[in-house]
Amino acid sequence: MSNEITIKELYSLEHTLAKPLLEKYTYPWEALADIKDVILALGETLPADEYDKVGDNVWIAKSAKVAPTAYINGPAIIGRDTEVRHCAFIRGNALVGDGAVVGNSTELKNVILFDKVQVPHYNYVGDSILGYRAHMGAGSITSNVKSDKKNVVIKDGAEEIATGRKKVGAMLGDDVEVGCGSVLNPGTVVGKNSNIYPLSMVRGVVKANSIYKKQGEIVAKHE
Protein backbone atom coordinates (compact mmCIF):
# COMPACT_ATOMS: atom_id res chain seq x y z
CA MET A 1 0.00 0.00 0.00
CA SER A 2 1.34 3.39 -0.98
CA ASN A 3 2.78 5.46 1.84
CA GLU A 4 0.93 8.44 0.33
CA ILE A 5 -2.07 7.55 2.50
CA THR A 6 -0.15 7.55 5.77
CA ILE A 7 -0.68 10.19 8.43
CA LYS A 8 2.88 11.39 7.88
CA GLU A 9 2.24 12.13 4.21
CA LEU A 10 -1.29 13.54 4.52
CA TYR A 11 -0.98 15.94 7.45
CA SER A 12 1.13 18.64 9.07
CA LEU A 13 0.63 17.59 12.67
CA GLU A 14 1.68 20.89 14.21
CA HIS A 15 -1.72 22.23 13.15
CA THR A 16 -3.85 20.13 15.50
CA LEU A 17 -4.22 19.33 19.19
CA ALA A 18 -4.59 15.72 18.06
CA LYS A 19 -0.88 15.47 17.21
CA PRO A 20 -0.06 13.05 20.09
CA LEU A 21 -2.92 10.77 19.03
CA LEU A 22 -2.08 10.75 15.35
CA GLU A 23 1.60 10.14 15.98
CA LYS A 24 0.67 6.77 17.47
CA TYR A 25 -0.69 5.42 14.19
CA THR A 26 0.33 4.80 10.60
CA TYR A 27 -3.02 5.41 8.89
CA PRO A 28 -5.53 8.13 9.87
CA TRP A 29 -8.59 5.91 10.17
CA GLU A 30 -6.83 3.99 12.94
CA ALA A 31 -7.31 7.04 15.18
CA LEU A 32 -11.09 7.26 14.78
CA ALA A 33 -11.83 4.95 17.70
CA ASP A 34 -9.84 7.15 20.10
CA ILE A 35 -11.25 10.59 19.32
CA LYS A 36 -13.67 10.63 22.25
CA ASP A 37 -11.08 9.64 24.85
CA VAL A 38 -8.53 12.09 23.49
CA ILE A 39 -10.98 14.99 23.66
CA LEU A 40 -11.86 14.14 27.25
CA ALA A 41 -8.18 14.01 28.21
CA LEU A 42 -7.24 17.16 26.29
CA GLY A 43 -10.17 19.16 27.59
CA GLU A 44 -8.98 18.92 31.18
CA THR A 45 -5.59 20.34 30.18
CA LEU A 46 -6.82 23.39 28.27
CA PRO A 47 -5.96 26.73 29.92
CA ALA A 48 -8.92 28.22 31.77
CA ASP A 49 -7.96 31.71 30.66
CA GLU A 50 -8.43 30.68 27.00
CA TYR A 51 -11.26 28.11 27.11
CA ASP A 52 -14.65 27.89 28.80
CA LYS A 53 -16.09 24.54 29.78
CA VAL A 54 -19.75 24.58 28.78
CA GLY A 55 -22.14 21.79 29.75
CA ASP A 56 -20.93 18.20 29.68
CA ASN A 57 -17.41 17.97 28.30
CA VAL A 58 -17.63 20.83 25.83
CA TRP A 59 -14.69 23.22 25.75
CA ILE A 60 -15.03 26.41 23.70
CA ALA A 61 -12.25 28.91 23.19
CA LYS A 62 -13.13 32.35 24.52
CA SER A 63 -12.13 33.83 21.16
CA ALA A 64 -14.46 31.50 19.22
CA LYS A 65 -17.76 32.80 17.84
CA VAL A 66 -20.66 30.38 18.37
CA ALA A 67 -24.12 31.26 17.08
CA PRO A 68 -26.87 30.95 19.70
CA THR A 69 -28.73 28.60 17.35
CA ALA A 70 -25.79 26.15 17.07
CA TYR A 71 -25.98 22.84 18.97
CA ILE A 72 -22.83 21.34 20.47
CA ASN A 73 -22.96 17.96 22.18
CA GLY A 74 -19.90 16.72 24.01
CA PRO A 75 -17.26 15.60 24.04
CA ALA A 76 -16.13 18.49 21.86
CA ILE A 77 -13.41 21.10 21.65
CA ILE A 78 -13.90 24.28 19.63
CA GLY A 79 -10.60 26.02 18.93
CA ARG A 80 -9.46 29.61 19.12
CA ASP A 81 -10.91 32.09 16.62
CA THR A 82 -13.18 29.40 15.19
CA GLU A 83 -16.66 30.28 13.96
CA VAL A 84 -19.63 27.97 14.53
CA ARG A 85 -22.51 29.37 12.54
CA HIS A 86 -26.29 29.34 12.58
CA CYS A 87 -27.85 25.90 13.12
CA ALA A 88 -24.58 23.97 13.07
CA PHE A 89 -25.10 20.53 14.62
CA ILE A 90 -22.08 19.07 16.41
CA ARG A 91 -23.18 15.64 17.58
CA GLY A 92 -20.15 14.78 19.66
CA ASN A 93 -16.57 13.51 19.48
CA ALA A 94 -15.54 16.60 17.52
CA LEU A 95 -12.10 18.13 17.85
CA VAL A 96 -12.26 21.39 15.89
CA GLY A 97 -9.02 23.33 15.48
CA ASP A 98 -8.16 27.01 15.54
CA GLY A 99 -9.49 29.40 12.92
CA ALA A 100 -11.95 26.87 11.52
CA VAL A 101 -15.45 27.45 10.16
CA VAL A 102 -18.38 25.14 10.92
CA GLY A 103 -21.19 26.55 8.88
CA ASN A 104 -24.90 26.83 8.44
CA SER A 105 -26.62 23.46 8.97
CA THR A 106 -23.30 21.60 8.92
CA GLU A 107 -23.24 18.38 10.94
CA LEU A 108 -20.13 16.91 12.57
CA LYS A 109 -19.72 13.51 14.25
CA ASN A 110 -16.54 11.76 15.40
CA VAL A 111 -14.14 14.02 13.55
CA ILE A 112 -10.84 15.82 13.75
CA LEU A 113 -10.73 19.14 11.93
CA PHE A 114 -7.25 20.62 11.77
CA ASP A 115 -6.69 24.36 12.10
CA LYS A 116 -8.33 26.57 9.47
CA VAL A 117 -10.56 23.83 8.06
CA GLN A 118 -13.72 25.17 6.45
CA VAL A 119 -16.97 23.19 6.29
CA PRO A 120 -19.13 26.27 5.83
CA HIS A 121 -22.40 25.35 4.10
CA TYR A 122 -24.66 22.32 4.46
CA ASN A 123 -21.90 19.77 4.94
CA TYR A 124 -22.02 16.39 6.68
CA VAL A 125 -18.66 15.25 8.06
CA GLY A 126 -18.65 11.97 9.98
CA ASP A 127 -15.87 9.60 11.05
CA SER A 128 -13.41 11.72 9.11
CA ILE A 129 -10.17 13.65 9.51
CA LEU A 130 -9.70 16.90 7.58
CA GLY A 131 -6.19 18.34 7.30
CA TYR A 132 -4.88 21.87 7.65
CA ARG A 133 -6.82 24.39 5.51
CA ALA A 134 -8.96 21.69 3.89
CA HIS A 135 -12.18 23.12 2.47
CA MET A 136 -15.46 21.43 1.58
CA GLY A 137 -17.68 23.30 -0.87
CA ALA A 138 -21.36 23.89 -0.24
CA GLY A 139 -23.40 20.70 0.00
CA SER A 140 -20.42 18.34 -0.19
CA ILE A 141 -20.56 15.44 2.27
CA THR A 142 -18.66 12.47 3.59
CA SER A 143 -20.53 9.18 3.35
CA ASN A 144 -19.29 7.01 6.20
CA VAL A 145 -21.26 3.73 5.90
CA LYS A 146 -21.41 1.37 2.93
CA SER A 147 -24.84 0.45 1.58
CA ASP A 148 -24.22 -3.22 2.44
CA LYS A 149 -23.13 -2.22 5.99
CA LYS A 150 -19.91 -4.23 5.67
CA ASN A 151 -16.58 -2.98 6.99
CA VAL A 152 -14.94 -0.27 4.92
CA VAL A 153 -11.95 -1.19 2.76
CA ILE A 154 -9.52 1.45 1.47
CA LYS A 155 -8.86 0.89 -2.23
CA ASP A 156 -5.83 2.24 -4.07
CA GLY A 157 -6.03 0.80 -7.55
CA ALA A 158 -5.68 -2.96 -7.20
CA GLU A 159 -4.45 -2.67 -3.61
CA GLU A 160 -6.81 -2.92 -0.66
CA ILE A 161 -6.44 -2.37 3.06
CA ALA A 162 -9.06 -3.44 5.59
CA THR A 163 -9.99 -0.84 8.18
CA GLY A 164 -11.89 -3.20 10.47
CA ARG A 165 -14.51 -0.47 10.89
CA LYS A 166 -18.06 -0.19 9.62
CA LYS A 167 -17.89 3.60 9.74
CA VAL A 168 -15.08 5.40 7.93
CA GLY A 169 -15.70 8.67 6.12
CA ALA A 170 -13.02 10.67 4.30
CA MET A 171 -9.39 11.41 5.10
CA LEU A 172 -8.52 14.74 3.48
CA GLY A 173 -4.92 15.90 3.45
CA ASP A 174 -3.74 19.46 3.99
CA ASP A 175 -5.04 22.08 1.53
CA VAL A 176 -7.57 19.78 -0.14
CA GLU A 177 -10.41 21.54 -1.97
CA VAL A 178 -13.68 19.65 -2.42
CA GLY A 179 -16.11 21.11 -4.95
CA CYS A 180 -19.75 21.88 -4.24
CA GLY A 181 -22.22 19.02 -4.17
CA SER A 182 -19.62 16.25 -4.11
CA VAL A 183 -20.01 12.93 -2.28
CA LEU A 184 -16.93 11.35 -0.75
CA ASN A 185 -17.74 7.65 -0.44
CA PRO A 186 -16.70 5.58 2.60
CA GLY A 187 -12.95 5.20 2.80
CA THR A 188 -12.04 8.04 0.45
CA VAL A 189 -8.49 9.34 0.93
CA VAL A 190 -7.42 12.56 -0.80
CA GLY A 191 -3.75 13.54 -0.77
CA LYS A 192 -2.37 16.98 0.04
CA ASN A 193 -3.08 19.93 -2.24
CA SER A 194 -5.60 18.11 -4.42
CA ASN A 195 -8.83 19.44 -5.91
CA ILE A 196 -12.13 17.63 -6.38
CA TYR A 197 -14.38 18.97 -9.12
CA PRO A 198 -17.95 19.98 -8.14
CA LEU A 199 -20.65 17.29 -8.29
CA SER A 200 -18.09 14.49 -8.08
CA MET A 201 -18.65 11.01 -6.68
CA VAL A 202 -15.29 10.04 -5.22
CA ARG A 203 -14.10 6.68 -3.93
CA GLY A 204 -10.70 5.20 -3.18
CA VAL A 205 -7.43 7.12 -3.14
CA VAL A 206 -6.76 10.41 -4.91
CA LYS A 207 -3.05 11.09 -4.91
CA ALA A 208 -1.47 14.32 -3.70
CA ASN A 209 -1.29 17.29 -6.08
CA SER A 210 -4.06 15.94 -8.29
CA ILE A 211 -7.24 17.24 -9.88
CA TYR A 212 -10.17 14.82 -9.70
CA LYS A 213 -12.37 15.68 -12.67
CA LYS A 214 -14.59 12.61 -12.65
CA GLN A 215 -14.37 8.89 -12.00
CA GLY A 216 -11.50 7.55 -14.09
CA GLU A 217 -10.17 11.00 -14.94
CA ILE A 218 -7.63 12.25 -12.44
CA VAL A 219 -4.80 14.47 -13.66
CA ALA A 220 -1.65 15.79 -11.99
CA LYS A 221 -1.48 19.48 -11.15
CA HIS A 222 1.04 21.56 -13.06
CA GLU A 223 3.25 23.94 -11.17
C-alpha atoms as a PDB file:
ATOM      1  CA  MET A   1       0.000   0.000   0.000  1.00  0.00           C
ATOM      2  CA  SER A   2       1.335   3.389  -0.980  1.00  0.00           C
ATOM      3  CA  ASN A   3       2.784   5.462   1.837  1.00  0.00           C
ATOM      4  CA  GLU A   4       0.932   8.439   0.333  1.00  0.00           C
ATOM      5  CA  ILE A   5      -2.065   7.549   2.504  1.00  0.00           C
ATOM      6  CA  THR A   6      -0.153   7.552   5.772  1.00  0.00           C
ATOM      7  CA  ILE A   7      -0.680  10.188   8.431  1.00  0.00           C
ATOM      8  CA  LYS A   8       2.882  11.393   7.879  1.00  0.00           C
ATOM      9  CA  GLU A   9       2.236  12.130   4.206  1.00  0.00           C
ATOM     10  CA  LEU A  10      -1.288  13.540   4.524  1.00  0.00           C
ATOM     11  CA  TYR A  11      -0.983  15.941   7.445  1.00  0.00           C
ATOM     12  CA  SER A  12       1.135  18.638   9.074  1.00  0.00           C
ATOM     13  CA  LEU A  13       0.627  17.594  12.671  1.00  0.00           C
ATOM     14  CA  GLU A  14       1.684  20.892  14.207  1.00  0.00           C
ATOM     15  CA  HIS A  15      -1.723  22.230  13.147  1.00  0.00           C
ATOM     16  CA  THR A  16      -3.854  20.126  15.501  1.00  0.00           C
ATOM     17  CA  LEU A  17      -4.220  19.329  19.191  1.00  0.00           C
ATOM     18  CA  ALA A  18      -4.594  15.720  18.062  1.00  0.00           C
ATOM     19  CA  LYS A  19      -0.882  15.465  17.208  1.00  0.00           C
ATOM     20  CA  PRO A  20      -0.059  13.053  20.090  1.00  0.00           C
ATOM     21  CA  LEU A  21      -2.917  10.770  19.031  1.00  0.00           C
ATOM     22  CA  LEU A  22      -2.085  10.751  15.350  1.00  0.00           C
ATOM     23  CA  GLU A  23       1.601  10.137  15.983  1.00  0.00           C
ATOM     24  CA  LYS A  24       0.671   6.769  17.468  1.00  0.00           C
ATOM     25  CA  TYR A  25      -0.686   5.416  14.191  1.00  0.00           C
ATOM     26  CA  THR A  26       0.329   4.802  10.599  1.00  0.00           C
ATOM     27  CA  TYR A  27      -3.018   5.415   8.889  1.00  0.00           C
ATOM     28  CA  PRO A  28      -5.528   8.130   9.871  1.00  0.00           C
ATOM     29  CA  TRP A  29      -8.595   5.913  10.165  1.00  0.00           C
ATOM     30  CA  GLU A  30      -6.827   3.990  12.935  1.00  0.00           C
ATOM     31  CA  ALA A  31      -7.305   7.042  15.178  1.00  0.00           C
ATOM     32  CA  LEU A  32     -11.092   7.256  14.776  1.00  0.00           C
ATOM     33  CA  ALA A  33     -11.829   4.948  17.695  1.00  0.00           C
ATOM     34  CA  ASP A  34      -9.839   7.146  20.098  1.00  0.00           C
ATOM     35  CA  ILE A  35     -11.246  10.588  19.317  1.00  0.00           C
ATOM     36  CA  LYS A  36     -13.667  10.631  22.253  1.00  0.00           C
ATOM     37  CA  ASP A  37     -11.080   9.644  24.847  1.00  0.00           C
ATOM     38  CA  VAL A  38      -8.531  12.095  23.486  1.00  0.00           C
ATOM     39  CA  ILE A  39     -10.981  14.995  23.657  1.00  0.00           C
ATOM     40  CA  LEU A  40     -11.856  14.138  27.254  1.00  0.00           C
ATOM     41  CA  ALA A  41      -8.181  14.013  28.210  1.00  0.00           C
ATOM     42  CA  LEU A  42      -7.243  17.159  26.289  1.00  0.00           C
ATOM     43  CA  GLY A  43     -10.169  19.157  27.595  1.00  0.00           C
ATOM     44  CA  GLU A  44      -8.984  18.925  31.180  1.00  0.00           C
ATOM     45  CA  THR A  45      -5.587  20.340  30.179  1.00  0.00           C
ATOM     46  CA  LEU A  46      -6.817  23.394  28.268  1.00  0.00           C
ATOM     47  CA  PRO A  47      -5.957  26.726  29.924  1.00  0.00           C
ATOM     48  CA  ALA A  48      -8.923  28.223  31.766  1.00  0.00           C
ATOM     49  CA  ASP A  49      -7.964  31.711  30.657  1.00  0.00           C
ATOM     50  CA  GLU A  50      -8.427  30.679  27.002  1.00  0.00           C
ATOM     51  CA  TYR A  51     -11.260  28.113  27.109  1.00  0.00           C
ATOM     52  CA  ASP A  52     -14.654  27.891  28.799  1.00  0.00           C
ATOM     53  CA  LYS A  53     -16.085  24.538  29.779  1.00  0.00           C
ATOM     54  CA  VAL A  54     -19.754  24.580  28.783  1.00  0.00           C
ATOM     55  CA  GLY A  55     -22.141  21.786  29.745  1.00  0.00           C
ATOM     56  CA  ASP A  56     -20.927  18.201  29.679  1.00  0.00           C
ATOM     57  CA  ASN A  57     -17.413  17.965  28.300  1.00  0.00           C
ATOM     58  CA  VAL A  58     -17.633  20.830  25.831  1.00  0.00           C
ATOM     59  CA  TRP A  59     -14.690  23.224  25.751  1.00  0.00           C
ATOM     60  CA  ILE A  60     -15.025  26.407  23.698  1.00  0.00           C
ATOM     61  CA  ALA A  61     -12.248  28.915  23.194  1.00  0.00           C
ATOM     62  CA  LYS A  62     -13.126  32.346  24.516  1.00  0.00           C
ATOM     63  CA  SER A  63     -12.132  33.825  21.156  1.00  0.00           C
ATOM     64  CA  ALA A  64     -14.462  31.498  19.218  1.00  0.00           C
ATOM     65  CA  LYS A  65     -17.756  32.796  17.840  1.00  0.00           C
ATOM     66  CA  VAL A  66     -20.656  30.384  18.372  1.00  0.00           C
ATOM     67  CA  ALA A  67     -24.120  31.265  17.084  1.00  0.00           C
ATOM     68  CA  PRO A  68     -26.868  30.947  19.704  1.00  0.00           C
ATOM     69  CA  THR A  69     -28.726  28.596  17.346  1.00  0.00           C
ATOM     70  CA  ALA A  70     -25.791  26.153  17.073  1.00  0.00           C
ATOM     71  CA  TYR A  71     -25.983  22.839  18.972  1.00  0.00           C
ATOM     72  CA  ILE A  72     -22.829  21.338  20.466  1.00  0.00           C
ATOM     73  CA  ASN A  73     -22.959  17.963  22.180  1.00  0.00           C
ATOM     74  CA  GLY A  74     -19.896  16.717  24.015  1.00  0.00           C
ATOM     75  CA  PRO A  75     -17.262  15.600  24.040  1.00  0.00           C
ATOM     76  CA  ALA A  76     -16.133  18.486  21.863  1.00  0.00           C
ATOM     77  CA  ILE A  77     -13.406  21.102  21.652  1.00  0.00           C
ATOM     78  CA  ILE A  78     -13.896  24.282  19.627  1.00  0.00           C
ATOM     79  CA  GLY A  79     -10.601  26.020  18.932  1.00  0.00           C
ATOM     80  CA  ARG A  80      -9.459  29.609  19.121  1.00  0.00           C
ATOM     81  CA  ASP A  81     -10.911  32.086  16.624  1.00  0.00           C
ATOM     82  CA  THR A  82     -13.183  29.403  15.190  1.00  0.00           C
ATOM     83  CA  GLU A  83     -16.659  30.285  13.963  1.00  0.00           C
ATOM     84  CA  VAL A  84     -19.631  27.968  14.535  1.00  0.00           C
ATOM     85  CA  ARG A  85     -22.505  29.372  12.536  1.00  0.00           C
ATOM     86  CA  HIS A  86     -26.291  29.337  12.579  1.00  0.00           C
ATOM     87  CA  CYS A  87     -27.855  25.895  13.118  1.00  0.00           C
ATOM     88  CA  ALA A  88     -24.576  23.973  13.070  1.00  0.00           C
ATOM     89  CA  PHE A  89     -25.097  20.526  14.618  1.00  0.00           C
ATOM     90  CA  ILE A  90     -22.084  19.072  16.409  1.00  0.00           C
ATOM     91  CA  ARG A  91     -23.184  15.644  17.585  1.00  0.00           C
ATOM     92  CA  GLY A  92     -20.145  14.780  19.662  1.00  0.00           C
ATOM     93  CA  ASN A  93     -16.573  13.514  19.477  1.00  0.00           C
ATOM     94  CA  ALA A  94     -15.542  16.597  17.523  1.00  0.00           C
ATOM     95  CA  LEU A  95     -12.097  18.131  17.846  1.00  0.00           C
ATOM     96  CA  VAL A  96     -12.261  21.393  15.891  1.00  0.00           C
ATOM     97  CA  GLY A  97      -9.021  23.330  15.483  1.00  0.00           C
ATOM     98  CA  ASP A  98      -8.160  27.007  15.538  1.00  0.00           C
ATOM     99  CA  GLY A  99      -9.495  29.402  12.921  1.00  0.00           C
ATOM    100  CA  ALA A 100     -11.954  26.868  11.524  1.00  0.00           C
ATOM    101  CA  VAL A 101     -15.455  27.454  10.164  1.00  0.00           C
ATOM    102  CA  VAL A 102     -18.381  25.139  10.915  1.00  0.00           C
ATOM    103  CA  GLY A 103     -21.188  26.549   8.876  1.00  0.00           C
ATOM    104  CA  ASN A 104     -24.898  26.834   8.438  1.00  0.00           C
ATOM    105  CA  SER A 105     -26.623  23.456   8.968  1.00  0.00           C
ATOM    106  CA  THR A 106     -23.303  21.602   8.920  1.00  0.00           C
ATOM    107  CA  GLU A 107     -23.239  18.380  10.939  1.00  0.00           C
ATOM    108  CA  LEU A 108     -20.131  16.908  12.569  1.00  0.00           C
ATOM    109  CA  LYS A 109     -19.719  13.507  14.250  1.00  0.00           C
ATOM    110  CA  ASN A 110     -16.538  11.757  15.398  1.00  0.00           C
ATOM    111  CA  VAL A 111     -14.137  14.022  13.545  1.00  0.00           C
ATOM    112  CA  ILE A 112     -10.840  15.822  13.748  1.00  0.00           C
ATOM    113  CA  LEU A 113     -10.734  19.139  11.929  1.00  0.00           C
ATOM    114  CA  PHE A 114      -7.252  20.623  11.769  1.00  0.00           C
ATOM    115  CA  ASP A 115      -6.687  24.359  12.101  1.00  0.00           C
ATOM    116  CA  LYS A 116      -8.327  26.575   9.467  1.00  0.00           C
ATOM    117  CA  VAL A 117     -10.560  23.831   8.061  1.00  0.00           C
ATOM    118  CA  GLN A 118     -13.718  25.168   6.449  1.00  0.00           C
ATOM    119  CA  VAL A 119     -16.971  23.189   6.289  1.00  0.00           C
ATOM    120  CA  PRO A 120     -19.130  26.266   5.834  1.00  0.00           C
ATOM    121  CA  HIS A 121     -22.399  25.349   4.097  1.00  0.00           C
ATOM    122  CA  TYR A 122     -24.664  22.323   4.463  1.00  0.00           C
ATOM    123  CA  ASN A 123     -21.903  19.768   4.944  1.00  0.00           C
ATOM    124  CA  TYR A 124     -22.018  16.387   6.682  1.00  0.00           C
ATOM    125  CA  VAL A 125     -18.664  15.245   8.061  1.00  0.00           C
ATOM    126  CA  GLY A 126     -18.652  11.973   9.976  1.00  0.00           C
ATOM    127  CA  ASP A 127     -15.866   9.595  11.046  1.00  0.00           C
ATOM    128  CA  SER A 128     -13.412  11.718   9.114  1.00  0.00           C
ATOM    129  CA  ILE A 129     -10.167  13.654   9.506  1.00  0.00           C
ATOM    130  CA  LEU A 130      -9.697  16.905   7.582  1.00  0.00           C
ATOM    131  CA  GLY A 131      -6.194  18.343   7.302  1.00  0.00           C
ATOM    132  CA  TYR A 132      -4.880  21.866   7.651  1.00  0.00           C
ATOM    133  CA  ARG A 133      -6.816  24.393   5.513  1.00  0.00           C
ATOM    134  CA  ALA A 134      -8.959  21.691   3.895  1.00  0.00           C
ATOM    135  CA  HIS A 135     -12.181  23.119   2.474  1.00  0.00           C
ATOM    136  CA  MET A 136     -15.458  21.429   1.576  1.00  0.00           C
ATOM    137  CA  GLY A 137     -17.680  23.303  -0.867  1.00  0.00           C
ATOM    138  CA  ALA A 138     -21.358  23.892  -0.238  1.00  0.00           C
ATOM    139  CA  GLY A 139     -23.395  20.696   0.004  1.00  0.00           C
ATOM    140  CA  SER A 140     -20.420  18.344  -0.185  1.00  0.00           C
ATOM    141  CA  ILE A 141     -20.562  15.442   2.270  1.00  0.00           C
ATOM    142  CA  THR A 142     -18.655  12.469   3.591  1.00  0.00           C
ATOM    143  CA  SER A 143     -20.533   9.179   3.354  1.00  0.00           C
ATOM    144  CA  ASN A 144     -19.288   7.008   6.200  1.00  0.00           C
ATOM    145  CA  VAL A 145     -21.256   3.734   5.900  1.00  0.00           C
ATOM    146  CA  LYS A 146     -21.415   1.368   2.933  1.00  0.00           C
ATOM    147  CA  SER A 147     -24.835   0.453   1.581  1.00  0.00           C
ATOM    148  CA  ASP A 148     -24.220  -3.219   2.439  1.00  0.00           C
ATOM    149  CA  LYS A 149     -23.135  -2.219   5.987  1.00  0.00           C
ATOM    150  CA  LYS A 150     -19.910  -4.226   5.671  1.00  0.00           C
ATOM    151  CA  ASN A 151     -16.577  -2.979   6.987  1.00  0.00           C
ATOM    152  CA  VAL A 152     -14.939  -0.266   4.923  1.00  0.00           C
ATOM    153  CA  VAL A 153     -11.949  -1.190   2.756  1.00  0.00           C
ATOM    154  CA  ILE A 154      -9.521   1.453   1.473  1.00  0.00           C
ATOM    155  CA  LYS A 155      -8.859   0.890  -2.234  1.00  0.00           C
ATOM    156  CA  ASP A 156      -5.835   2.242  -4.066  1.00  0.00           C
ATOM    157  CA  GLY A 157      -6.031   0.796  -7.552  1.00  0.00           C
ATOM    158  CA  ALA A 158      -5.685  -2.963  -7.200  1.00  0.00           C
ATOM    159  CA  GLU A 159      -4.448  -2.673  -3.606  1.00  0.00           C
ATOM    160  CA  GLU A 160      -6.812  -2.922  -0.655  1.00  0.00           C
ATOM    161  CA  ILE A 161      -6.436  -2.372   3.063  1.00  0.00           C
ATOM    162  CA  ALA A 162      -9.058  -3.437   5.585  1.00  0.00           C
ATOM    163  CA  THR A 163      -9.990  -0.839   8.182  1.00  0.00           C
ATOM    164  CA  GLY A 164     -11.888  -3.199  10.465  1.00  0.00           C
ATOM    165  CA  ARG A 165     -14.509  -0.466  10.890  1.00  0.00           C
ATOM    166  CA  LYS A 166     -18.055  -0.186   9.617  1.00  0.00           C
ATOM    167  CA  LYS A 167     -17.887   3.601   9.738  1.00  0.00           C
ATOM    168  CA  VAL A 168     -15.079   5.401   7.926  1.00  0.00           C
ATOM    169  CA  GLY A 169     -15.696   8.672   6.120  1.00  0.00           C
ATOM    170  CA  ALA A 170     -13.019  10.673   4.302  1.00  0.00           C
ATOM    171  CA  MET A 171      -9.391  11.406   5.098  1.00  0.00           C
ATOM    172  CA  LEU A 172      -8.523  14.738   3.476  1.00  0.00           C
ATOM    173  CA  GLY A 173      -4.920  15.896   3.452  1.00  0.00           C
ATOM    174  CA  ASP A 174      -3.743  19.457   3.987  1.00  0.00           C
ATOM    175  CA  ASP A 175      -5.039  22.082   1.528  1.00  0.00           C
ATOM    176  CA  VAL A 176      -7.566  19.784  -0.142  1.00  0.00           C
ATOM    177  CA  GLU A 177     -10.410  21.541  -1.970  1.00  0.00           C
ATOM    178  CA  VAL A 178     -13.679  19.651  -2.423  1.00  0.00           C
ATOM    179  CA  GLY A 179     -16.108  21.106  -4.953  1.00  0.00           C
ATOM    180  CA  CYS A 180     -19.747  21.882  -4.235  1.00  0.00           C
ATOM    181  CA  GLY A 181     -22.220  19.016  -4.172  1.00  0.00           C
ATOM    182  CA  SER A 182     -19.617  16.248  -4.106  1.00  0.00           C
ATOM    183  CA  VAL A 183     -20.006  12.932  -2.276  1.00  0.00           C
ATOM    184  CA  LEU A 184     -16.927  11.349  -0.748  1.00  0.00           C
ATOM    185  CA  ASN A 185     -17.739   7.651  -0.443  1.00  0.00           C
ATOM    186  CA  PRO A 186     -16.701   5.577   2.601  1.00  0.00           C
ATOM    187  CA  GLY A 187     -12.953   5.198   2.802  1.00  0.00           C
ATOM    188  CA  THR A 188     -12.036   8.041   0.452  1.00  0.00           C
ATOM    189  CA  VAL A 189      -8.488   9.342   0.933  1.00  0.00           C
ATOM    190  CA  VAL A 190      -7.422  12.561  -0.798  1.00  0.00           C
ATOM    191  CA  GLY A 191      -3.754  13.542  -0.770  1.00  0.00           C
ATOM    192  CA  LYS A 192      -2.369  16.978   0.041  1.00  0.00           C
ATOM    193  CA  ASN A 193      -3.076  19.929  -2.242  1.00  0.00           C
ATOM    194  CA  SER A 194      -5.601  18.111  -4.422  1.00  0.00           C
ATOM    195  CA  ASN A 195      -8.833  19.441  -5.911  1.00  0.00           C
ATOM    196  CA  ILE A 196     -12.132  17.628  -6.380  1.00  0.00           C
ATOM    197  CA  TYR A 197     -14.382  18.971  -9.116  1.00  0.00           C
ATOM    198  CA  PRO A 198     -17.948  19.977  -8.138  1.00  0.00           C
ATOM    199  CA  LEU A 199     -20.649  17.288  -8.286  1.00  0.00           C
ATOM    200  CA  SER A 200     -18.089  14.494  -8.082  1.00  0.00           C
ATOM    201  CA  MET A 201     -18.648  11.006  -6.680  1.00  0.00           C
ATOM    202  CA  VAL A 202     -15.289  10.036  -5.218  1.00  0.00           C
ATOM    203  CA  ARG A 203     -14.101   6.683  -3.929  1.00  0.00           C
ATOM    204  CA  GLY A 204     -10.702   5.202  -3.181  1.00  0.00           C
ATOM    205  CA  VAL A 205      -7.433   7.119  -3.142  1.00  0.00           C
ATOM    206  CA  VAL A 206      -6.762  10.415  -4.915  1.00  0.00           C
ATOM    207  CA  LYS A 207      -3.045  11.091  -4.905  1.00  0.00           C
ATOM    208  CA  ALA A 208      -1.474  14.315  -3.698  1.00  0.00           C
ATOM    209  CA  ASN A 209      -1.289  17.290  -6.077  1.00  0.00           C
ATOM    210  CA  SER A 210      -4.061  15.941  -8.291  1.00  0.00           C
ATOM    211  CA  ILE A 211      -7.239  17.237  -9.876  1.00  0.00           C
ATOM    212  CA  TYR A 212     -10.168  14.817  -9.700  1.00  0.00           C
ATOM    213  CA  LYS A 213     -12.375  15.677 -12.667  1.00  0.00           C
ATOM    214  CA  LYS A 214     -14.587  12.606 -12.650  1.00  0.00           C
ATOM    215  CA  GLN A 215     -14.369   8.891 -12.002  1.00  0.00           C
ATOM    216  CA  GLY A 216     -11.502   7.548 -14.094  1.00  0.00           C
ATOM    217  CA  GLU A 217     -10.172  11.004 -14.939  1.00  0.00           C
ATOM    218  CA  ILE A 218      -7.626  12.251 -12.440  1.00  0.00           C
ATOM    219  CA  VAL A 219      -4.796  14.471 -13.660  1.00  0.00           C
ATOM    220  CA  ALA A 220      -1.648  15.788 -11.988  1.00  0.00           C
ATOM    221  CA  LYS A 221      -1.483  19.476 -11.147  1.00  0.00           C
ATOM    222  CA  HIS A 222       1.039  21.558 -13.060  1.00  0.00           C
ATOM    223  CA  GLU A 223       3.251  23.942 -11.167  1.00  0.00           C
END
